[in-house]
Amino acid sequence: MVDVFEEVDEQIRSDHYKVLARRYLPWIGGVLGVALVVALGVWGYTRYQLTSAQNASVAYAKGLDILSRADFEQAYSAFGLAARSPSRAYRSMALMQQAGIRVDEHRLDDAIPLFDQAAKAAPNPVLGDAAGLKAAYILMDEGKLPDAEARLKPLSDSKRPYAAMALEALAMAKLQEGHPNDARSDFVVLSLMNAAPEDVRQRAQVAMMMIDSGYLAGVPAIVAAARALPPLPPSAEQVAPDQGQGDAAGPDSQTSQAGAAQ
């Protein structure tokens, strides 16, 4: 009798397991299928990012190589390939290189949007704020102070990587606008800012003394007069491009490369 009861009990358990299997196996299979799809998707996306970064690296390196030969338009095109990469770091750096080329060509109206695009594409404030700061410097040189200040104010926040340089540029913009007292307030902050580089603090102290002495009161008029001057005549290298062309191109090439690295 004991064997009979054990056999019946085993049969009942077997039927129960079959019922459970029919009820839950489809769900378990679905969950495993979803997990497999997710795992494959993550692997595919990671692989795509790695391949994209490698392609962008090759295009960026090619752009630097061409730029070293002072072939600006070919370099601009090579950087354009990197600028279309999903890699935000290479996209931002390539856009800054393109902007640097346009600066060297004195096409400032083309350079500023490229710096703005580089700032938006940047994966971190170190790259993004560098691009924004360069755009602001160009706008200041062009006398477009409201546009420059609009870019500099967020960059001057104490938590941003180039806060000291942005605040210094803001103070200089205020001097150009004829607001020395407002500029002095910024220079006071700079002189007390522990995170500011020593040379920036020293310049701030000198600027405060010059404002107090009234020496900088004529800055707006001086800047306006400088902008009204006719353009400089072409240099000897520009007049005779066939002579020393390789040497003459060197500093321009270095300027573009240094612009994106800063």
C-alpha atoms as a PDB file:
ATOM      1  CA  MET A   1       0.000   0.000   0.000  1.00  0.00           C
ATOM      2  CA  VAL A   2       2.855   2.384   0.793  1.00  0.00           C
ATOM      3  CA  ASP A   3       4.227   1.975  -2.725  1.00  0.00           C
ATOM      4  CA  VAL A   4       0.829   2.704  -4.221  1.00  0.00           C
ATOM      5  CA  PHE A   5       0.441   5.923  -2.231  1.00  0.00           C
ATOM      6  CA  GLU A   6       3.946   7.025  -3.160  1.00  0.00           C
ATOM      7  CA  GLU A   7       3.249   6.363  -6.844  1.00  0.00           C
ATOM      8  CA  VAL A   8      -0.014   8.331  -6.686  1.00  0.00           C
ATOM      9  CA  ASP A   9       1.728  11.214  -4.870  1.00  0.00           C
ATOM     10  CA  GLU A  10       4.486  11.293  -7.461  1.00  0.00           C
ATOM     11  CA  GLN A  11       1.940  11.353 -10.270  1.00  0.00           C
ATOM     12  CA  ILE A  12       0.126  14.266  -8.636  1.00  0.00           C
ATOM     13  CA  ARG A  13       3.371  16.223  -8.292  1.00  0.00           C
ATOM     14  CA  SER A  14       4.244  15.496 -11.914  1.00  0.00           C
ATOM     15  CA  ASP A  15       0.868  16.751 -13.111  1.00  0.00           C
ATOM     16  CA  HIS A  16       1.260  19.860 -10.947  1.00  0.00           C
ATOM     17  CA  TYR A  17       4.693  20.611 -12.436  1.00  0.00           C
ATOM     18  CA  LYS A  18       3.299  20.185 -15.936  1.00  0.00           C
ATOM     19  CA  VAL A  19       0.547  22.671 -15.194  1.00  0.00           C
ATOM     20  CA  LEU A  20       3.073  25.157 -13.808  1.00  0.00           C
ATOM     21  CA  ALA A  21       5.342  24.679 -16.799  1.00  0.00           C
ATOM     22  CA  ARG A  22       2.520  25.290 -19.268  1.00  0.00           C
ATOM     23  CA  ARG A  23       1.495  28.398 -17.333  1.00  0.00           C
ATOM     24  CA  TYR A  24       4.861  30.064 -16.734  1.00  0.00           C
ATOM     25  CA  LEU A  25       7.268  28.780 -19.395  1.00  0.00           C
ATOM     26  CA  PRO A  26       5.966  31.201 -22.073  1.00  0.00           C
ATOM     27  CA  TRP A  27       6.550  34.106 -19.673  1.00  0.00           C
ATOM     28  CA  ILE A  28      10.005  32.879 -18.778  1.00  0.00           C
ATOM     29  CA  GLY A  29      10.820  32.423 -22.449  1.00  0.00           C
ATOM     30  CA  GLY A  30       9.594  35.938 -23.195  1.00  0.00           C
ATOM     31  CA  VAL A  31      11.716  37.442 -20.439  1.00  0.00           C
ATOM     32  CA  LEU A  32      14.789  35.558 -21.646  1.00  0.00           C
ATOM     33  CA  GLY A  33      14.071  36.694 -25.203  1.00  0.00           C
ATOM     34  CA  VAL A  34      13.804  40.322 -24.145  1.00  0.00           C
ATOM     35  CA  ALA A  35      17.019  40.012 -22.141  1.00  0.00           C
ATOM     36  CA  LEU A  36      18.767  38.564 -25.182  1.00  0.00           C
ATOM     37  CA  VAL A  37      17.508  41.368 -27.426  1.00  0.00           C
ATOM     38  CA  VAL A  38      18.630  43.997 -24.899  1.00  0.00           C
ATOM     39  CA  ALA A  39      22.053  42.389 -24.556  1.00  0.00           C
ATOM     40  CA  LEU A  40      22.489  42.260 -28.323  1.00  0.00           C
ATOM     41  CA  GLY A  41      21.312  45.880 -28.616  1.00  0.00           C
ATOM     42  CA  VAL A  42      23.810  47.072 -26.006  1.00  0.00           C
ATOM     43  CA  TRP A  43      26.591  45.132 -27.696  1.00  0.00           C
ATOM     44  CA  GLY A  44      25.625  46.523 -31.107  1.00  0.00           C
ATOM     45  CA  TYR A  45      25.428  50.108 -29.844  1.00  0.00           C
ATOM     46  CA  THR A  46      28.771  49.807 -28.052  1.00  0.00           C
ATOM     47  CA  ARG A  47      30.317  48.369 -31.191  1.00  0.00           C
ATOM     48  CA  TYR A  48      28.807  51.179 -33.259  1.00  0.00           C
ATOM     49  CA  GLN A  49      30.181  53.831 -30.910  1.00  0.00           C
ATOM     50  CA  LEU A  50      33.642  52.248 -30.954  1.00  0.00           C
ATOM     51  CA  THR A  51      33.691  52.037 -34.751  1.00  0.00           C
ATOM     52  CA  SER A  52      32.416  55.619 -35.067  1.00  0.00           C
ATOM     53  CA  ALA A  53      35.075  56.902 -32.680  1.00  0.00           C
ATOM     54  CA  GLN A  54      37.785  55.064 -34.609  1.00  0.00           C
ATOM     55  CA  ASN A  55      36.580  56.493 -37.926  1.00  0.00           C
ATOM     56  CA  ALA A  56      36.396  59.983 -36.415  1.00  0.00           C
ATOM     57  CA  SER A  57      39.902  59.578 -35.012  1.00  0.00           C
ATOM     58  CA  VAL A  58      41.246  58.673 -38.458  1.00  0.00           C
ATOM     59  CA  ALA A  59      39.453  61.634 -40.091  1.00  0.00           C
ATOM     60  CA  TYR A  60      40.652  64.026 -37.375  1.00  0.00           C
ATOM     61  CA  ALA A  61      44.251  62.825 -37.664  1.00  0.00           C
ATOM     62  CA  LYS A  62      44.053  63.204 -41.434  1.00  0.00           C
ATOM     63  CA  GLY A  63      42.792  66.766 -40.994  1.00  0.00           C
ATOM     64  CA  LEU A  64      45.711  67.611 -38.721  1.00  0.00           C
ATOM     65  CA  ASP A  65      48.176  66.119 -41.201  1.00  0.00           C
ATOM     66  CA  ILE A  66      46.738  68.143 -44.093  1.00  0.00           C
ATOM     67  CA  LEU A  67      46.585  71.269 -41.941  1.00  0.00           C
ATOM     68  CA  SER A  68      50.300  70.923 -41.187  1.00  0.00           C
ATOM     69  CA  ARG A  69      50.863  71.349 -44.935  1.00  0.00           C
ATOM     70  CA  ALA A  70      48.781  74.564 -44.928  1.00  0.00           C
ATOM     71  CA  ASP A  71      46.161  73.111 -47.271  1.00  0.00           C
ATOM     72  CA  PHE A  72      43.305  74.797 -45.438  1.00  0.00           C
ATOM     73  CA  GLU A  73      40.360  73.802 -47.615  1.00  0.00           C
ATOM     74  CA  GLN A  74      41.358  70.142 -47.793  1.00  0.00           C
ATOM     75  CA  ALA A  75      41.910  70.170 -44.028  1.00  0.00           C
ATOM     76  CA  TYR A  76      38.510  71.796 -43.557  1.00  0.00           C
ATOM     77  CA  SER A  77      36.889  68.978 -45.555  1.00  0.00           C
ATOM     78  CA  ALA A  78      38.743  66.297 -43.588  1.00  0.00           C
ATOM     79  CA  PHE A  79      37.645  67.811 -40.291  1.00  0.00           C
ATOM     80  CA  GLY A  80      34.125  67.906 -41.719  1.00  0.00           C
ATOM     81  CA  LEU A  81      34.070  64.098 -41.750  1.00  0.00           C
ATOM     82  CA  ALA A  82      35.007  64.001 -38.070  1.00  0.00           C
ATOM     83  CA  ALA A  83      32.465  66.748 -37.354  1.00  0.00           C
ATOM     84  CA  ARG A  84      29.676  64.439 -38.566  1.00  0.00           C
ATOM     85  CA  SER A  85      30.724  61.634 -36.248  1.00  0.00           C
ATOM     86  CA  PRO A  86      28.420  60.426 -33.438  1.00  0.00           C
ATOM     87  CA  SER A  87      31.440  60.820 -31.145  1.00  0.00           C
ATOM     88  CA  ARG A  88      30.707  64.101 -29.382  1.00  0.00           C
ATOM     89  CA  ALA A  89      34.330  64.691 -28.398  1.00  0.00           C
ATOM     90  CA  TYR A  90      35.673  64.358 -31.945  1.00  0.00           C
ATOM     91  CA  ARG A  91      32.703  66.289 -33.330  1.00  0.00           C
ATOM     92  CA  SER A  92      33.398  69.196 -30.997  1.00  0.00           C
ATOM     93  CA  MET A  93      37.159  69.209 -31.619  1.00  0.00           C
ATOM     94  CA  ALA A  94      36.704  68.961 -35.390  1.00  0.00           C
ATOM     95  CA  LEU A  95      34.265  71.876 -35.395  1.00  0.00           C
ATOM     96  CA  MET A  96      36.762  73.946 -33.414  1.00  0.00           C
ATOM     97  CA  GLN A  97      39.466  73.091 -35.935  1.00  0.00           C
ATOM     98  CA  GLN A  98      37.162  74.193 -38.750  1.00  0.00           C
ATOM     99  CA  ALA A  99      36.470  77.418 -36.869  1.00  0.00           C
ATOM    100  CA  GLY A 100      40.199  77.959 -36.385  1.00  0.00           C
ATOM    101  CA  ILE A 101      40.749  77.610 -40.132  1.00  0.00           C
ATOM    102  CA  ARG A 102      38.074  80.208 -40.820  1.00  0.00           C
ATOM    103  CA  VAL A 103      39.716  82.546 -38.283  1.00  0.00           C
ATOM    104  CA  ASP A 104      43.065  82.154 -40.062  1.00  0.00           C
ATOM    105  CA  GLU A 105      41.298  83.017 -43.306  1.00  0.00           C
ATOM    106  CA  HIS A 106      39.734  86.097 -41.620  1.00  0.00           C
ATOM    107  CA  ARG A 107      36.246  84.705 -42.213  1.00  0.00           C
ATOM    108  CA  LEU A 108      35.074  85.500 -38.706  1.00  0.00           C
ATOM    109  CA  ASP A 109      31.365  85.448 -39.502  1.00  0.00           C
ATOM    110  CA  ASP A 110      31.802  81.810 -40.529  1.00  0.00           C
ATOM    111  CA  ALA A 111      33.987  80.964 -37.531  1.00  0.00           C
ATOM    112  CA  ILE A 112      31.562  82.062 -34.801  1.00  0.00           C
ATOM    113  CA  PRO A 113      28.722  79.635 -35.719  1.00  0.00           C
ATOM    114  CA  LEU A 114      31.257  76.805 -35.876  1.00  0.00           C
ATOM    115  CA  PHE A 115      32.480  77.617 -32.365  1.00  0.00           C
ATOM    116  CA  ASP A 116      28.855  77.725 -31.192  1.00  0.00           C
ATOM    117  CA  GLN A 117      28.203  74.318 -32.744  1.00  0.00           C
ATOM    118  CA  ALA A 118      31.342  72.955 -31.099  1.00  0.00           C
ATOM    119  CA  ALA A 119      30.144  74.210 -27.718  1.00  0.00           C
ATOM    120  CA  LYS A 120      26.784  72.465 -28.135  1.00  0.00           C
ATOM    121  CA  ALA A 121      28.346  69.221 -29.360  1.00  0.00           C
ATOM    122  CA  ALA A 122      30.938  69.024 -26.569  1.00  0.00           C
ATOM    123  CA  PRO A 123      30.610  66.123 -24.128  1.00  0.00           C
ATOM    124  CA  ASN A 124      31.912  68.187 -21.203  1.00  0.00           C
ATOM    125  CA  PRO A 125      32.376  71.820 -20.138  1.00  0.00           C
ATOM    126  CA  VAL A 126      36.130  71.689 -20.703  1.00  0.00           C
ATOM    127  CA  LEU A 127      35.641  71.458 -24.466  1.00  0.00           C
ATOM    128  CA  GLY A 128      32.331  73.297 -24.633  1.00  0.00           C
ATOM    129  CA  ASP A 129      33.367  76.338 -22.616  1.00  0.00           C
ATOM    130  CA  ALA A 130      36.635  76.620 -24.554  1.00  0.00           C
ATOM    131  CA  ALA A 131      34.646  76.921 -27.778  1.00  0.00           C
ATOM    132  CA  GLY A 132      32.246  79.430 -26.255  1.00  0.00           C
ATOM    133  CA  LEU A 133      35.094  81.526 -24.905  1.00  0.00           C
ATOM    134  CA  LYS A 134      36.786  81.712 -28.305  1.00  0.00           C
ATOM    135  CA  ALA A 135      33.541  82.817 -29.945  1.00  0.00           C
ATOM    136  CA  ALA A 136      33.192  85.548 -27.311  1.00  0.00           C
ATOM    137  CA  TYR A 137      36.751  86.785 -27.916  1.00  0.00           C
ATOM    138  CA  ILE A 138      36.050  87.143 -31.641  1.00  0.00           C
ATOM    139  CA  LEU A 139      32.834  89.039 -30.950  1.00  0.00           C
ATOM    140  CA  MET A 140      34.690  91.395 -28.607  1.00  0.00           C
ATOM    141  CA  ASP A 141      37.312  92.070 -31.267  1.00  0.00           C
ATOM    142  CA  GLU A 142      34.515  92.814 -33.718  1.00  0.00           C
ATOM    143  CA  GLY A 143      32.855  95.219 -31.278  1.00  0.00           C
ATOM    144  CA  LYS A 144      29.753  93.026 -30.876  1.00  0.00           C
ATOM    145  CA  LEU A 145      29.792  93.372 -27.112  1.00  0.00           C
ATOM    146  CA  PRO A 146      26.182  92.371 -26.285  1.00  0.00           C
ATOM    147  CA  ASP A 147      26.646  89.077 -28.131  1.00  0.00           C
ATOM    148  CA  ALA A 148      29.979  88.538 -26.406  1.00  0.00           C
ATOM    149  CA  GLU A 149      28.532  89.234 -22.967  1.00  0.00           C
ATOM    150  CA  ALA A 150      25.641  86.840 -23.598  1.00  0.00           C
ATOM    151  CA  ARG A 151      28.193  84.059 -24.067  1.00  0.00           C
ATOM    152  CA  LEU A 152      30.532  85.136 -21.287  1.00  0.00           C
ATOM    153  CA  LYS A 153      28.043  85.469 -18.425  1.00  0.00           C
ATOM    154  CA  PRO A 154      27.234  81.749 -18.072  1.00  0.00           C
ATOM    155  CA  LEU A 155      30.907  80.888 -18.558  1.00  0.00           C
ATOM    156  CA  SER A 156      31.900  83.168 -15.680  1.00  0.00           C
ATOM    157  CA  ASP A 157      30.053  81.055 -13.102  1.00  0.00           C
ATOM    158  CA  SER A 158      32.525  79.929 -10.435  1.00  0.00           C
ATOM    159  CA  LYS A 159      31.768  76.264 -11.167  1.00  0.00           C
ATOM    160  CA  ARG A 160      32.765  76.519 -14.830  1.00  0.00           C
ATOM    161  CA  PRO A 161      36.308  75.524 -15.895  1.00  0.00           C
ATOM    162  CA  TYR A 162      37.276  78.887 -17.431  1.00  0.00           C
ATOM    163  CA  ALA A 163      35.387  81.137 -15.038  1.00  0.00           C
ATOM    164  CA  ALA A 164      38.352  83.450 -14.393  1.00  0.00           C
ATOM    165  CA  MET A 165      39.085  84.072 -18.074  1.00  0.00           C
ATOM    166  CA  ALA A 166      35.401  84.606 -18.844  1.00  0.00           C
ATOM    167  CA  LEU A 167      35.042  87.098 -16.002  1.00  0.00           C
ATOM    168  CA  GLU A 168      38.168  88.930 -17.146  1.00  0.00           C
ATOM    169  CA  ALA A 169      36.750  89.140 -20.666  1.00  0.00           C
ATOM    170  CA  LEU A 170      33.461  90.448 -19.252  1.00  0.00           C
ATOM    171  CA  ALA A 171      35.319  93.166 -17.383  1.00  0.00           C
ATOM    172  CA  MET A 172      37.208  94.155 -20.527  1.00  0.00           C
ATOM    173  CA  ALA A 173      33.937  94.283 -22.470  1.00  0.00           C
ATOM    174  CA  LYS A 174      32.523  96.648 -19.864  1.00  0.00           C
ATOM    175  CA  LEU A 175      35.587  98.851 -20.242  1.00  0.00           C
ATOM    176  CA  GLN A 176      35.038  98.924 -23.984  1.00  0.00           C
ATOM    177  CA  GLU A 177      31.430  99.966 -23.377  1.00  0.00           C
ATOM    178  CA  GLY A 178      32.562 102.830 -21.163  1.00  0.00           C
ATOM    179  CA  HIS A 179      31.530 101.333 -17.794  1.00  0.00           C
ATOM    180  CA  PRO A 180      34.767 101.365 -15.763  1.00  0.00           C
ATOM    181  CA  ASN A 181      33.034 101.122 -12.378  1.00  0.00           C
ATOM    182  CA  ASP A 182      31.221  97.930 -13.380  1.00  0.00           C
ATOM    183  CA  ALA A 183      34.456  96.591 -14.818  1.00  0.00           C
ATOM    184  CA  ARG A 184      36.286  97.397 -11.594  1.00  0.00           C
ATOM    185  CA  SER A 185      33.791  95.322  -9.599  1.00  0.00           C
ATOM    186  CA  ASP A 186      34.606  92.324 -11.787  1.00  0.00           C
ATOM    187  CA  PHE A 187      38.328  92.941 -11.420  1.00  0.00           C
ATOM    188  CA  VAL A 188      37.913  93.031  -7.618  1.00  0.00           C
ATOM    189  CA  VAL A 189      36.245  89.615  -7.740  1.00  0.00           C
ATOM    190  CA  LEU A 190      39.039  88.327  -9.957  1.00  0.00           C
ATOM    191  CA  SER A 191      41.757  89.605  -7.650  1.00  0.00           C
ATOM    192  CA  LEU A 192      40.196  87.669  -4.767  1.00  0.00           C
ATOM    193  CA  MET A 193      39.365  84.503  -6.693  1.00  0.00           C
ATOM    194  CA  ASN A 194      41.544  81.687  -5.377  1.00  0.00           C
ATOM    195  CA  ALA A 195      40.851  79.526  -8.421  1.00  0.00           C
ATOM    196  CA  ALA A 196      42.042  82.223 -10.823  1.00  0.00           C
ATOM    197  CA  PRO A 197      45.552  81.840 -12.273  1.00  0.00           C
ATOM    198  CA  GLU A 198      48.143  84.104 -10.716  1.00  0.00           C
ATOM    199  CA  ASP A 199      48.683  86.129 -13.894  1.00  0.00           C
ATOM    200  CA  VAL A 200      44.929  86.789 -14.158  1.00  0.00           C
ATOM    201  CA  ARG A 201      44.831  88.073 -10.566  1.00  0.00           C
ATOM    202  CA  GLN A 202      47.848  90.294 -11.235  1.00  0.00           C
ATOM    203  CA  ARG A 203      46.242  91.744 -14.350  1.00  0.00           C
ATOM    204  CA  ALA A 204      43.078  92.416 -12.358  1.00  0.00           C
ATOM    205  CA  GLN A 205      45.036  94.352  -9.727  1.00  0.00           C
ATOM    206  CA  VAL A 206      46.805  96.400 -12.406  1.00  0.00           C
ATOM    207  CA  ALA A 207      43.493  97.104 -14.109  1.00  0.00           C
ATOM    208  CA  MET A 208      41.969  98.328 -10.840  1.00  0.00           C
ATOM    209  CA  MET A 209      44.861 100.736 -10.295  1.00  0.00           C
ATOM    210  CA  MET A 210      44.565 102.038 -13.836  1.00  0.00           C
ATOM    211  CA  ILE A 211      40.804 102.546 -13.459  1.00  0.00           C
ATOM    212  CA  ASP A 212      41.312 104.376 -10.147  1.00  0.00           C
ATOM    213  CA  SER A 213      43.896 106.648 -11.758  1.00  0.00           C
ATOM    214  CA  GLY A 214      41.541 107.434 -14.639  1.00  0.00           C
ATOM    215  CA  TYR A 215      44.004 106.083 -17.159  1.00  0.00           C
ATOM    216  CA  LEU A 216      41.434 103.741 -18.744  1.00  0.00           C
ATOM    217  CA  ALA A 217      38.711 106.338 -19.120  1.00  0.00           C
ATOM    218  CA  GLY A 218      39.530 106.775 -22.809  1.00  0.00           C
ATOM    219  CA  VAL A 219      39.444 103.081 -23.708  1.00  0.00           C
ATOM    220  CA  PRO A 220      36.143 103.234 -25.678  1.00  0.00           C
ATOM    221  CA  ALA A 221      37.440 106.090 -27.832  1.00  0.00           C
ATOM    222  CA  ILE A 222      40.757 104.325 -28.402  1.00  0.00           C
ATOM    223  CA  VAL A 223      39.025 101.114 -29.429  1.00  0.00           C
ATOM    224  CA  ALA A 224      36.655 102.983 -31.749  1.00  0.00           C
ATOM    225  CA  ALA A 225      39.581 104.804 -33.372  1.00  0.00           C
ATOM    226  CA  ALA A 226      41.464 101.548 -33.834  1.00  0.00           C
ATOM    227  CA  ARG A 227      38.482  99.976 -35.589  1.00  0.00           C
ATOM    228  CA  ALA A 228      38.234 102.979 -37.910  1.00  0.00           C
ATOM    229  CA  LEU A 229      41.816 102.553 -39.138  1.00  0.00           C
ATOM    230  CA  PRO A 230      42.277 101.161 -42.673  1.00  0.00           C
ATOM    231  CA  PRO A 231      43.437  97.540 -42.935  1.00  0.00           C
ATOM    232  CA  LEU A 232      47.143  96.864 -42.786  1.00  0.00           C
ATOM    233  CA  PRO A 233      48.979  96.414 -46.100  1.00  0.00           C
ATOM    234  CA  PRO A 234      49.782  92.810 -47.070  1.00  0.00           C
ATOM    235  CA  SER A 235      52.936  91.347 -45.648  1.00  0.00           C
ATOM    236  CA  ALA A 236      55.947  90.390 -47.748  1.00  0.00           C
ATOM    237  CA  GLU A 237      54.916  86.745 -47.587  1.00  0.00           C
ATOM    238  CA  GLN A 238      51.445  87.596 -48.931  1.00  0.00           C
ATOM    239  CA  VAL A 239      52.870  89.746 -51.743  1.00  0.00           C
ATOM    240  CA  ALA A 240      55.316  87.031 -52.794  1.00  0.00           C
ATOM    241  CA  PRO A 241      53.625  83.750 -51.861  1.00  0.00           C
ATOM    242  CA  ASP A 242      56.088  81.669 -53.850  1.00  0.00           C
ATOM    243  CA  GLN A 243      58.944  82.657 -51.531  1.00  0.00           C
ATOM    244  CA  GLY A 244      59.143  80.733 -48.275  1.00  0.00           C
ATOM    245  CA  GLN A 245      55.607  79.449 -48.636  1.00  0.00           C
ATOM    246  CA  GLY A 246      56.183  76.485 -46.367  1.00  0.00           C
ATOM    247  CA  ASP A 247      57.665  78.582 -43.582  1.00  0.00           C
ATOM    248  CA  ALA A 248      54.995  81.246 -43.856  1.00  0.00           C
ATOM    249  CA  ALA A 249      52.226  78.704 -43.469  1.00  0.00           C
ATOM    250  CA  GLY A 250      53.673  77.194 -40.307  1.00  0.00           C
ATOM    251  CA  PRO A 251      52.430  79.712 -37.716  1.00  0.00           C
ATOM    252  CA  ASP A 252      48.940  79.787 -39.240  1.00  0.00           C
ATOM    253  CA  SER A 253      48.735  76.014 -39.088  1.00  0.00           C
ATOM    254  CA  GLN A 254      49.965  75.976 -35.522  1.00  0.00           C
ATOM    255  CA  THR A 255      47.455  78.647 -34.578  1.00  0.00           C
ATOM    256  CA  SER A 256      44.540  76.552 -35.818  1.00  0.00           C
ATOM    257  CA  GLN A 257      45.759  73.450 -34.008  1.00  0.00           C
ATOM    258  CA  ALA A 258      46.460  75.318 -30.812  1.00  0.00           C
ATOM    259  CA  GLY A 259      43.002  76.901 -30.980  1.00  0.00           C
ATOM    260  CA  ALA A 260      41.195  73.558 -30.575  1.00  0.00           C
ATOM    261  CA  ALA A 261      43.597  72.218 -27.976  1.00  0.00           C
ATOM    262  CA  GLN A 262      43.095  75.106 -25.575  1.00  0.00           C
END
